[in-house]
Amino acid sequence: MRAEVKDRPPARFNRAGQNALYLSPNEESARVALRSYEIGESPERVLLTYQLETCTLFDLRGPEASDLYARARQPWRVALEAGEEPPSWAAADEIQAAGYVGLIDPSRQKSGLWHVAIFRWNEPGAPGIRAVGQPIPIVLRPEA
């Protein structure tokens, strides 16, 4: 297991300090995912491209995943602000306990888009991931 990172903030599928790498398959999906983090004067953003080796991901888009997805899609920040553990963390725990290194999460912002959350990488028994190309500066704009 990768070492925890003290300054890693909590997110939909990870507790504070837990490693998680959130990826999108294309620029449109990445922009949609980042839109909820754009607050006022945000720092400069860059688009990074990664190559991920073949790995076993749990797909939350399928009908067999409906129970886990029902928990995963709950507003995690609301639960956290109320002092509760977000249901999506328990869903991620179950997915990892079943042997998956990550998951495919359908976008809640735009139908047809999706994202990936990886919990283990670049270690024995986990997929390799590496950056490819150069960072591309981008500007996030509110959807018209």
N, C-alpha and C. Protein backbone atom coordinates (compact mmCIF):
# COMPACT_ATOMS: atom_id res chain seq x y z
N MET A 1 0.84 -1.18 0.00
CA MET A 1 0.00 0.00 0.00
C MET A 1 0.88 1.24 0.00
N ARG A 2 0.50 2.23 -0.77
CA ARG A 2 1.25 3.48 -0.81
C ARG A 2 1.13 4.20 0.52
N ALA A 3 2.19 4.89 0.88
CA ALA A 3 2.15 5.66 2.13
C ALA A 3 1.11 6.77 2.02
N GLU A 4 0.50 7.07 3.14
CA GLU A 4 -0.46 8.16 3.14
C GLU A 4 0.27 9.49 3.09
N VAL A 5 -0.39 10.49 2.57
CA VAL A 5 0.17 11.82 2.41
C VAL A 5 -0.58 12.75 3.35
N LYS A 6 0.12 13.33 4.32
CA LYS A 6 -0.54 14.15 5.35
C LYS A 6 -1.36 15.28 4.78
N ASP A 7 -0.88 15.93 3.72
CA ASP A 7 -1.59 17.10 3.20
C ASP A 7 -2.60 16.76 2.11
N ARG A 8 -2.85 15.49 1.86
CA ARG A 8 -3.83 15.09 0.86
C ARG A 8 -5.23 15.40 1.40
N PRO A 9 -5.96 16.31 0.75
CA PRO A 9 -7.29 16.66 1.26
C PRO A 9 -8.30 15.54 0.98
N PRO A 10 -9.39 15.54 1.74
CA PRO A 10 -10.43 14.55 1.45
C PRO A 10 -11.11 14.88 0.13
N ALA A 11 -11.65 13.86 -0.49
CA ALA A 11 -12.39 14.03 -1.75
C ALA A 11 -13.48 12.95 -1.77
N ARG A 12 -14.18 12.85 -2.87
CA ARG A 12 -15.33 11.94 -2.95
C ARG A 12 -14.97 10.50 -2.54
N PHE A 13 -13.81 9.99 -2.97
CA PHE A 13 -13.49 8.59 -2.72
C PHE A 13 -12.28 8.38 -1.81
N ASN A 14 -11.82 9.42 -1.15
CA ASN A 14 -10.69 9.25 -0.23
C ASN A 14 -10.82 10.16 0.99
N ARG A 15 -10.40 9.61 2.12
CA ARG A 15 -10.33 10.38 3.35
C ARG A 15 -9.09 11.27 3.29
N ALA A 16 -9.03 12.27 4.17
CA ALA A 16 -7.84 13.12 4.25
C ALA A 16 -6.63 12.24 4.52
N GLY A 17 -5.56 12.47 3.80
CA GLY A 17 -4.34 11.71 3.98
C GLY A 17 -4.25 10.44 3.14
N GLN A 18 -5.35 9.98 2.58
CA GLN A 18 -5.32 8.77 1.75
C GLN A 18 -4.99 9.14 0.31
N ASN A 19 -4.14 8.32 -0.29
CA ASN A 19 -3.81 8.55 -1.69
C ASN A 19 -4.96 8.20 -2.60
N ALA A 20 -5.17 9.03 -3.58
CA ALA A 20 -6.13 8.77 -4.65
C ALA A 20 -5.73 9.65 -5.81
N LEU A 21 -5.80 9.10 -6.98
CA LEU A 21 -5.48 9.85 -8.19
C LEU A 21 -6.75 9.89 -9.03
N TYR A 22 -7.23 11.09 -9.27
CA TYR A 22 -8.46 11.28 -10.03
C TYR A 22 -8.10 11.69 -11.44
N LEU A 23 -8.59 10.92 -12.41
CA LEU A 23 -8.27 11.14 -13.82
C LEU A 23 -9.55 11.23 -14.64
N SER A 24 -9.45 11.87 -15.78
CA SER A 24 -10.56 11.93 -16.73
C SER A 24 -10.04 11.46 -18.08
N PRO A 25 -10.89 10.83 -18.89
CA PRO A 25 -10.41 10.28 -20.17
C PRO A 25 -10.16 11.31 -21.25
N ASN A 26 -10.67 12.54 -21.07
CA ASN A 26 -10.47 13.56 -22.10
C ASN A 26 -10.61 14.95 -21.47
N GLU A 27 -10.28 15.97 -22.25
CA GLU A 27 -10.29 17.33 -21.73
C GLU A 27 -11.69 17.77 -21.30
N GLU A 28 -12.71 17.42 -22.06
CA GLU A 28 -14.07 17.82 -21.69
C GLU A 28 -14.45 17.28 -20.31
N SER A 29 -14.19 16.00 -20.08
CA SER A 29 -14.50 15.40 -18.78
C SER A 29 -13.72 16.07 -17.66
N ALA A 30 -12.45 16.38 -17.92
CA ALA A 30 -11.63 17.04 -16.90
C ALA A 30 -12.17 18.43 -16.57
N ARG A 31 -12.55 19.17 -17.59
CA ARG A 31 -13.09 20.51 -17.36
C ARG A 31 -14.39 20.45 -16.55
N VAL A 32 -15.25 19.51 -16.85
CA VAL A 32 -16.50 19.37 -16.12
C VAL A 32 -16.21 19.02 -14.66
N ALA A 33 -15.26 18.12 -14.44
CA ALA A 33 -14.92 17.72 -13.07
C ALA A 33 -14.35 18.88 -12.27
N LEU A 34 -13.52 19.69 -12.90
CA LEU A 34 -12.88 20.80 -12.20
C LEU A 34 -13.80 21.99 -11.96
N ARG A 35 -14.87 22.06 -12.71
CA ARG A 35 -15.78 23.21 -12.60
C ARG A 35 -16.26 23.42 -11.16
N SER A 36 -16.50 22.35 -10.43
CA SER A 36 -17.00 22.51 -9.06
C SER A 36 -15.92 23.00 -8.10
N TYR A 37 -14.66 23.00 -8.53
CA TYR A 37 -13.57 23.48 -7.69
C TYR A 37 -13.14 24.90 -8.05
N GLU A 38 -13.75 25.47 -9.06
CA GLU A 38 -13.41 26.82 -9.52
C GLU A 38 -14.15 27.83 -8.66
N ILE A 39 -13.41 28.51 -7.80
CA ILE A 39 -14.02 29.49 -6.90
C ILE A 39 -13.26 30.80 -7.04
N GLY A 40 -13.94 31.81 -7.56
CA GLY A 40 -13.33 33.14 -7.67
C GLY A 40 -12.00 33.12 -8.41
N GLU A 41 -11.02 33.71 -7.80
CA GLU A 41 -9.68 33.79 -8.39
C GLU A 41 -8.92 32.49 -8.11
N SER A 42 -9.12 31.49 -8.95
CA SER A 42 -8.43 30.22 -8.77
C SER A 42 -7.03 30.30 -9.38
N PRO A 43 -6.14 29.47 -8.87
CA PRO A 43 -4.79 29.45 -9.43
C PRO A 43 -4.82 28.96 -10.88
N GLU A 44 -3.74 29.23 -11.57
CA GLU A 44 -3.62 28.75 -12.96
C GLU A 44 -3.80 27.24 -12.98
N ARG A 45 -4.50 26.76 -13.97
CA ARG A 45 -4.72 25.32 -14.14
C ARG A 45 -3.95 24.84 -15.36
N VAL A 46 -3.53 23.58 -15.31
CA VAL A 46 -2.89 22.97 -16.46
C VAL A 46 -3.53 21.61 -16.71
N LEU A 47 -3.54 21.22 -17.96
CA LEU A 47 -4.03 19.91 -18.36
C LEU A 47 -2.82 18.99 -18.45
N LEU A 48 -2.87 17.89 -17.71
CA LEU A 48 -1.79 16.90 -17.71
C LEU A 48 -2.31 15.63 -18.36
N THR A 49 -1.45 14.95 -19.08
CA THR A 49 -1.83 13.69 -19.73
C THR A 49 -1.01 12.57 -19.11
N TYR A 50 -1.70 11.48 -18.77
CA TYR A 50 -1.05 10.32 -18.16
C TYR A 50 -1.33 9.08 -18.99
N GLN A 51 -0.40 8.15 -18.93
CA GLN A 51 -0.61 6.83 -19.51
C GLN A 51 -0.76 5.86 -18.34
N LEU A 52 -1.90 5.19 -18.29
CA LEU A 52 -2.22 4.24 -17.23
C LEU A 52 -2.20 2.84 -17.82
N GLU A 53 -1.45 1.95 -17.18
CA GLU A 53 -1.42 0.56 -17.63
C GLU A 53 -2.80 -0.08 -17.41
N THR A 54 -3.05 -1.13 -18.14
CA THR A 54 -4.29 -1.88 -17.97
C THR A 54 -4.43 -2.31 -16.52
N CYS A 55 -5.62 -2.14 -15.98
CA CYS A 55 -5.85 -2.50 -14.58
C CYS A 55 -7.32 -2.84 -14.38
N THR A 56 -7.64 -3.35 -13.22
CA THR A 56 -8.99 -3.74 -12.90
C THR A 56 -9.70 -2.61 -12.17
N LEU A 57 -10.70 -2.04 -12.84
CA LEU A 57 -11.49 -0.95 -12.28
C LEU A 57 -12.93 -1.41 -12.09
N PHE A 58 -13.54 -0.99 -11.01
CA PHE A 58 -14.95 -1.28 -10.79
C PHE A 58 -15.74 -0.19 -11.49
N ASP A 59 -16.67 -0.58 -12.34
CA ASP A 59 -17.42 0.38 -13.15
C ASP A 59 -18.76 0.70 -12.48
N LEU A 60 -18.84 1.91 -11.95
CA LEU A 60 -20.07 2.35 -11.28
C LEU A 60 -21.19 2.69 -12.26
N ARG A 61 -20.94 2.60 -13.56
CA ARG A 61 -21.96 2.94 -14.55
C ARG A 61 -22.92 1.80 -14.83
N GLY A 62 -22.55 0.58 -14.48
CA GLY A 62 -23.37 -0.58 -14.83
C GLY A 62 -24.50 -0.83 -13.86
N PRO A 63 -25.56 -1.54 -14.33
CA PRO A 63 -26.71 -1.82 -13.46
C PRO A 63 -26.34 -2.67 -12.24
N GLU A 64 -25.31 -3.51 -12.35
CA GLU A 64 -24.90 -4.33 -11.22
C GLU A 64 -24.23 -3.51 -10.12
N ALA A 65 -23.93 -2.25 -10.42
CA ALA A 65 -23.27 -1.37 -9.45
C ALA A 65 -24.25 -0.38 -8.82
N SER A 66 -25.54 -0.56 -9.06
CA SER A 66 -26.51 0.46 -8.64
C SER A 66 -26.49 0.74 -7.14
N ASP A 67 -26.30 -0.28 -6.29
CA ASP A 67 -26.26 -0.06 -4.84
C ASP A 67 -25.05 0.78 -4.45
N LEU A 68 -23.88 0.41 -4.95
CA LEU A 68 -22.67 1.18 -4.65
C LEU A 68 -22.75 2.58 -5.23
N TYR A 69 -23.27 2.70 -6.43
CA TYR A 69 -23.36 4.03 -7.03
C TYR A 69 -24.34 4.92 -6.28
N ALA A 70 -25.41 4.35 -5.76
CA ALA A 70 -26.37 5.14 -4.97
C ALA A 70 -25.67 5.79 -3.78
N ARG A 71 -24.73 5.08 -3.19
CA ARG A 71 -23.97 5.66 -2.07
C ARG A 71 -22.89 6.60 -2.56
N ALA A 72 -22.23 6.22 -3.65
CA ALA A 72 -21.12 7.02 -4.17
C ALA A 72 -21.55 8.39 -4.68
N ARG A 73 -22.78 8.49 -5.15
CA ARG A 73 -23.22 9.75 -5.75
C ARG A 73 -23.76 10.76 -4.73
N GLN A 74 -23.88 10.35 -3.48
CA GLN A 74 -24.38 11.27 -2.45
C GLN A 74 -23.43 12.46 -2.30
N PRO A 75 -23.94 13.62 -1.96
CA PRO A 75 -23.08 14.81 -1.81
C PRO A 75 -22.09 14.63 -0.64
N TRP A 76 -20.88 14.27 -0.96
CA TRP A 76 -19.89 13.94 0.07
C TRP A 76 -19.51 15.14 0.93
N ARG A 77 -19.48 16.32 0.35
CA ARG A 77 -19.10 17.51 1.13
C ARG A 77 -20.15 17.83 2.19
N VAL A 78 -21.42 17.61 1.88
CA VAL A 78 -22.50 17.87 2.83
C VAL A 78 -22.33 16.97 4.05
N ALA A 79 -22.07 15.69 3.82
CA ALA A 79 -21.86 14.75 4.93
C ALA A 79 -20.65 15.17 5.75
N LEU A 80 -19.56 15.51 5.10
CA LEU A 80 -18.35 15.90 5.80
C LEU A 80 -18.57 17.15 6.65
N GLU A 81 -19.26 18.14 6.10
CA GLU A 81 -19.55 19.37 6.83
C GLU A 81 -20.46 19.12 8.04
N ALA A 82 -21.28 18.07 7.95
CA ALA A 82 -22.17 17.71 9.06
C ALA A 82 -21.46 16.83 10.10
N GLY A 83 -20.16 16.59 9.88
CA GLY A 83 -19.40 15.76 10.81
C GLY A 83 -19.62 14.27 10.62
N GLU A 84 -20.18 13.89 9.47
CA GLU A 84 -20.45 12.48 9.17
C GLU A 84 -19.46 11.98 8.13
N GLU A 85 -19.32 10.67 8.07
CA GLU A 85 -18.47 10.08 7.04
C GLU A 85 -19.27 9.97 5.75
N PRO A 86 -18.76 10.52 4.65
CA PRO A 86 -19.48 10.41 3.38
C PRO A 86 -19.69 8.95 2.97
N PRO A 87 -20.89 8.59 2.51
CA PRO A 87 -21.15 7.22 2.06
C PRO A 87 -20.22 6.78 0.93
N SER A 88 -19.72 7.73 0.15
CA SER A 88 -18.82 7.38 -0.96
C SER A 88 -17.51 6.79 -0.45
N TRP A 89 -17.08 7.15 0.74
CA TRP A 89 -15.86 6.57 1.30
C TRP A 89 -16.05 5.09 1.59
N ALA A 90 -17.20 4.73 2.15
CA ALA A 90 -17.49 3.32 2.42
C ALA A 90 -17.60 2.54 1.10
N ALA A 91 -18.20 3.17 0.09
CA ALA A 91 -18.30 2.52 -1.23
C ALA A 91 -16.89 2.25 -1.78
N ALA A 92 -16.00 3.24 -1.66
CA ALA A 92 -14.62 3.07 -2.13
C ALA A 92 -13.91 1.97 -1.34
N ASP A 93 -14.15 1.92 -0.03
CA ASP A 93 -13.56 0.86 0.80
C ASP A 93 -13.99 -0.52 0.30
N GLU A 94 -15.28 -0.68 0.00
CA GLU A 94 -15.80 -1.96 -0.49
C GLU A 94 -15.18 -2.34 -1.83
N ILE A 95 -15.04 -1.36 -2.69
CA ILE A 95 -14.46 -1.61 -4.02
C ILE A 95 -13.01 -2.05 -3.88
N GLN A 96 -12.25 -1.40 -3.01
CA GLN A 96 -10.86 -1.80 -2.79
C GLN A 96 -10.77 -3.17 -2.13
N ALA A 97 -11.64 -3.44 -1.17
CA ALA A 97 -11.63 -4.74 -0.48
C ALA A 97 -11.95 -5.88 -1.45
N ALA A 98 -12.68 -5.58 -2.52
CA ALA A 98 -13.01 -6.59 -3.53
C ALA A 98 -11.85 -6.81 -4.51
N GLY A 99 -10.75 -6.08 -4.34
CA GLY A 99 -9.56 -6.30 -5.15
C GLY A 99 -9.36 -5.35 -6.31
N TYR A 100 -10.20 -4.36 -6.45
CA TYR A 100 -10.06 -3.38 -7.53
C TYR A 100 -9.06 -2.30 -7.12
N VAL A 101 -8.29 -1.80 -8.09
CA VAL A 101 -7.33 -0.73 -7.80
C VAL A 101 -7.95 0.64 -7.99
N GLY A 102 -9.16 0.67 -8.49
CA GLY A 102 -9.83 1.94 -8.70
C GLY A 102 -11.24 1.72 -9.23
N LEU A 103 -11.82 2.83 -9.67
CA LEU A 103 -13.20 2.76 -10.13
C LEU A 103 -13.45 3.74 -11.27
N ILE A 104 -14.50 3.47 -12.02
CA ILE A 104 -14.99 4.38 -13.05
C ILE A 104 -16.26 5.00 -12.49
N ASP A 105 -16.28 6.32 -12.45
CA ASP A 105 -17.37 7.07 -11.83
C ASP A 105 -18.07 7.92 -12.88
N PRO A 106 -19.37 7.71 -13.12
CA PRO A 106 -20.06 8.55 -14.09
C PRO A 106 -20.16 10.00 -13.59
N SER A 107 -20.05 10.92 -14.50
CA SER A 107 -20.15 12.33 -14.16
C SER A 107 -21.55 12.64 -13.66
N ARG A 108 -21.63 13.37 -12.57
CA ARG A 108 -22.92 13.83 -12.08
C ARG A 108 -23.27 15.19 -12.68
N GLN A 109 -22.33 15.78 -13.39
CA GLN A 109 -22.53 17.10 -13.98
C GLN A 109 -23.02 17.05 -15.43
N LYS A 110 -22.56 16.03 -16.17
CA LYS A 110 -22.92 15.95 -17.58
C LYS A 110 -23.05 14.49 -18.00
N SER A 111 -24.21 14.12 -18.45
CA SER A 111 -24.48 12.74 -18.86
C SER A 111 -23.51 12.28 -19.95
N GLY A 112 -23.06 11.04 -19.82
CA GLY A 112 -22.19 10.43 -20.81
C GLY A 112 -20.71 10.60 -20.50
N LEU A 113 -20.36 11.52 -19.62
CA LEU A 113 -18.96 11.69 -19.24
C LEU A 113 -18.66 10.83 -18.02
N TRP A 114 -17.39 10.57 -17.79
CA TRP A 114 -16.99 9.74 -16.66
C TRP A 114 -15.57 10.10 -16.23
N HIS A 115 -15.20 9.58 -15.07
CA HIS A 115 -13.89 9.84 -14.48
C HIS A 115 -13.39 8.55 -13.86
N VAL A 116 -12.12 8.53 -13.51
CA VAL A 116 -11.50 7.37 -12.88
C VAL A 116 -10.86 7.82 -11.58
N ALA A 117 -10.98 7.00 -10.55
CA ALA A 117 -10.26 7.21 -9.30
C ALA A 117 -9.38 5.97 -9.10
N ILE A 118 -8.09 6.19 -8.94
CA ILE A 118 -7.13 5.10 -8.74
C ILE A 118 -6.62 5.21 -7.30
N PHE A 119 -6.57 4.08 -6.59
CA PHE A 119 -6.15 4.09 -5.19
C PHE A 119 -4.73 3.58 -4.99
N ARG A 120 -4.25 2.76 -5.91
CA ARG A 120 -2.87 2.23 -5.83
C ARG A 120 -2.26 2.29 -7.23
N TRP A 121 -1.00 2.73 -7.31
CA TRP A 121 -0.31 2.79 -8.58
C TRP A 121 1.20 2.81 -8.34
N ASN A 122 1.93 2.42 -9.38
CA ASN A 122 3.40 2.43 -9.35
C ASN A 122 3.97 1.71 -8.12
N GLU A 123 3.39 0.58 -7.81
CA GLU A 123 3.88 -0.28 -6.72
C GLU A 123 3.58 -1.72 -7.12
N PRO A 124 4.20 -2.70 -6.48
CA PRO A 124 3.94 -4.10 -6.84
C PRO A 124 2.45 -4.43 -6.76
N GLY A 125 1.95 -5.09 -7.79
CA GLY A 125 0.56 -5.50 -7.84
C GLY A 125 -0.41 -4.41 -8.24
N ALA A 126 0.11 -3.25 -8.62
CA ALA A 126 -0.73 -2.12 -9.02
C ALA A 126 -0.29 -1.65 -10.40
N PRO A 127 -1.16 -0.97 -11.11
CA PRO A 127 -0.79 -0.50 -12.45
C PRO A 127 0.26 0.61 -12.38
N GLY A 128 1.04 0.66 -13.45
CA GLY A 128 1.98 1.77 -13.60
C GLY A 128 1.27 2.95 -14.23
N ILE A 129 1.70 4.11 -13.85
CA ILE A 129 1.16 5.33 -14.44
C ILE A 129 2.32 6.29 -14.61
N ARG A 130 2.31 7.00 -15.75
CA ARG A 130 3.38 7.97 -15.98
C ARG A 130 2.84 9.14 -16.77
N ALA A 131 3.41 10.29 -16.50
CA ALA A 131 3.03 11.49 -17.24
C ALA A 131 3.61 11.41 -18.64
N VAL A 132 2.84 11.89 -19.61
CA VAL A 132 3.32 11.96 -21.00
C VAL A 132 3.06 13.38 -21.52
N GLY A 133 3.98 13.87 -22.31
CA GLY A 133 3.81 15.21 -22.86
C GLY A 133 4.07 16.29 -21.83
N GLN A 134 3.78 17.49 -22.23
CA GLN A 134 4.00 18.66 -21.39
C GLN A 134 2.67 19.19 -20.85
N PRO A 135 2.70 19.84 -19.69
CA PRO A 135 1.47 20.46 -19.17
C PRO A 135 0.97 21.53 -20.15
N ILE A 136 -0.34 21.59 -20.32
CA ILE A 136 -0.96 22.58 -21.22
C ILE A 136 -1.78 23.53 -20.36
N PRO A 137 -1.41 24.84 -20.32
CA PRO A 137 -2.20 25.79 -19.53
C PRO A 137 -3.64 25.87 -20.07
N ILE A 138 -4.60 25.88 -19.14
CA ILE A 138 -6.01 26.01 -19.54
C ILE A 138 -6.68 27.04 -18.64
N VAL A 139 -7.76 27.60 -19.14
CA VAL A 139 -8.58 28.53 -18.37
C VAL A 139 -9.95 27.89 -18.25
N LEU A 140 -10.44 27.78 -17.03
CA LEU A 140 -11.78 27.24 -16.83
C LEU A 140 -12.77 28.39 -16.93
N ARG A 141 -13.78 28.18 -17.71
CA ARG A 141 -14.82 29.21 -17.86
C ARG A 141 -16.15 28.59 -17.47
N PRO A 142 -16.99 29.37 -16.81
CA PRO A 142 -18.32 28.85 -16.49
C PRO A 142 -19.05 28.43 -17.77
N GLU A 143 -19.81 27.36 -17.66
CA GLU A 143 -20.57 26.89 -18.81
C GLU A 143 -21.63 27.93 -19.16
N ALA A 144 -21.71 28.25 -20.44
CA ALA A 144 -22.67 29.28 -20.90
C ALA A 144 -24.07 28.74 -20.94
